[in-house]
Protein backbone atom coordinates (compact mmCIF):
# COMPACT_ATOMS: atom_id res chain seq x y z
CA UNK A 1 48.47 -8.66 -26.83
CA UNK A 2 48.11 -4.25 -26.50
CA UNK A 3 49.84 -1.88 -24.34
CA UNK A 4 47.73 0.45 -24.15
CA UNK A 5 46.28 -2.53 -21.47
CA UNK A 6 49.37 -3.33 -20.14
CA UNK A 7 49.55 0.78 -18.99
CA UNK A 8 45.95 0.83 -18.47
CA UNK A 9 46.71 -2.18 -16.09
CA UNK A 10 49.03 0.22 -13.90
CA UNK A 11 47.14 3.15 -14.32
CA UNK A 12 44.45 1.46 -12.58
CA UNK A 13 46.45 0.77 -9.23
CA UNK A 14 48.07 4.86 -8.96
CA UNK A 15 48.39 7.74 -11.06
CA UNK A 16 51.57 7.35 -12.85
CA UNK A 17 54.10 9.72 -14.87
CA UNK A 18 55.68 7.95 -18.49
CA UNK A 19 58.78 8.09 -16.71
CA UNK A 20 57.08 5.82 -13.56
CA UNK A 21 55.42 3.44 -16.82
CA UNK A 22 58.96 3.66 -18.40
CA UNK A 23 60.59 2.28 -14.67
CA UNK A 24 57.45 -0.29 -13.65
CA UNK A 25 58.14 -2.01 -17.47
CA UNK A 26 61.77 -2.29 -17.02
CA UNK A 27 62.10 -3.65 -14.03
CA UNK A 28 58.67 -6.05 -13.85
CA UNK A 29 57.68 -7.08 -17.47
CA UNK A 30 60.46 -5.80 -20.18
CA UNK A 31 61.60 -10.09 -20.81
CA UNK A 32 58.64 -10.98 -21.83
CA UNK A 33 57.21 -7.03 -23.38
CA UNK A 34 59.64 -4.57 -24.48
CA UNK A 35 59.00 -1.04 -24.42
CA UNK A 36 60.80 2.18 -25.07
CA UNK A 37 60.06 5.63 -23.67
CA UNK A 38 58.81 7.27 -27.36
CA UNK A 39 55.95 4.08 -27.05
CA UNK A 40 55.27 4.96 -23.59
CA UNK A 41 54.42 8.58 -24.19
CA UNK A 42 52.55 7.40 -27.90
CA UNK A 43 50.55 5.19 -25.79
CA UNK A 44 49.33 7.58 -22.82
CA UNK A 45 48.42 10.12 -25.74
CA UNK A 46 46.27 7.87 -27.68
CA UNK A 47 44.74 6.64 -24.08
CA UNK A 48 44.01 10.09 -23.16
CA UNK A 49 42.55 10.53 -26.89
CA UNK A 50 39.97 7.68 -26.00
CA UNK A 51 38.42 9.11 -22.60
CA UNK A 52 40.67 6.41 -21.73
CA UNK A 53 43.32 7.93 -19.06
CA UNK A 54 43.56 11.31 -18.23
CA UNK A 55 46.63 13.58 -17.82
CA UNK A 56 46.72 15.84 -14.56
CA UNK A 57 50.77 18.35 -14.73
CA UNK A 58 52.07 18.31 -11.19
CA UNK A 59 53.62 20.90 -10.27
CA UNK A 60 57.69 20.38 -8.72
CA UNK A 61 60.03 22.89 -7.09
CA UNK A 62 63.03 23.02 -9.71
CA UNK A 63 61.78 20.63 -12.23
CA UNK A 64 59.23 21.20 -15.18
CA UNK A 65 56.09 19.89 -14.38
CA UNK A 66 54.91 16.86 -13.70
CA UNK A 67 52.68 14.72 -15.83
CA UNK A 68 50.92 12.46 -13.62
CA UNK A 69 48.60 10.18 -16.25
CA UNK A 70 45.56 8.79 -14.48
CA UNK A 71 42.54 5.51 -15.09
CA UNK A 72 39.23 6.70 -15.84
CA UNK A 73 35.90 5.07 -14.79
CA UNK A 74 35.32 3.79 -19.56
CA UNK A 75 39.42 3.30 -18.87
CA UNK A 76 38.80 1.17 -16.28
CA UNK A 77 35.53 0.04 -17.88
CA UNK A 78 37.69 -1.27 -20.76
CA UNK A 79 40.17 -2.51 -18.80
CA UNK A 80 37.95 -5.08 -17.67
CA UNK A 81 36.10 -6.12 -20.78
CA UNK A 82 39.89 -7.04 -22.28
CA UNK A 83 40.01 -8.87 -19.21
CA UNK A 84 37.34 -10.94 -20.07
CA UNK A 85 37.82 -11.50 -23.73
CA UNK A 86 38.38 -14.47 -24.09
CA UNK A 87 41.62 -15.00 -25.85
CA UNK A 88 42.34 -15.07 -29.49
């Protein structure tokens, strides 16, 4: 299973930051699928480069801007194809 598809699956529910994704991994799938912060951010960069996700900066008061990632239509299609494919 690929980290890319796990992240796309989470983004399919709602836009999330890398920090949000790390918290979700730690509270849901960590016991069988650990992911550290740097892996998550590298994967988010790959997803945006491929056009499977997009990033939007959200301004915050008294804090650095928040980078929120959301799945694109192309990313949703890629996720659906992966979910529909036979298991290796």
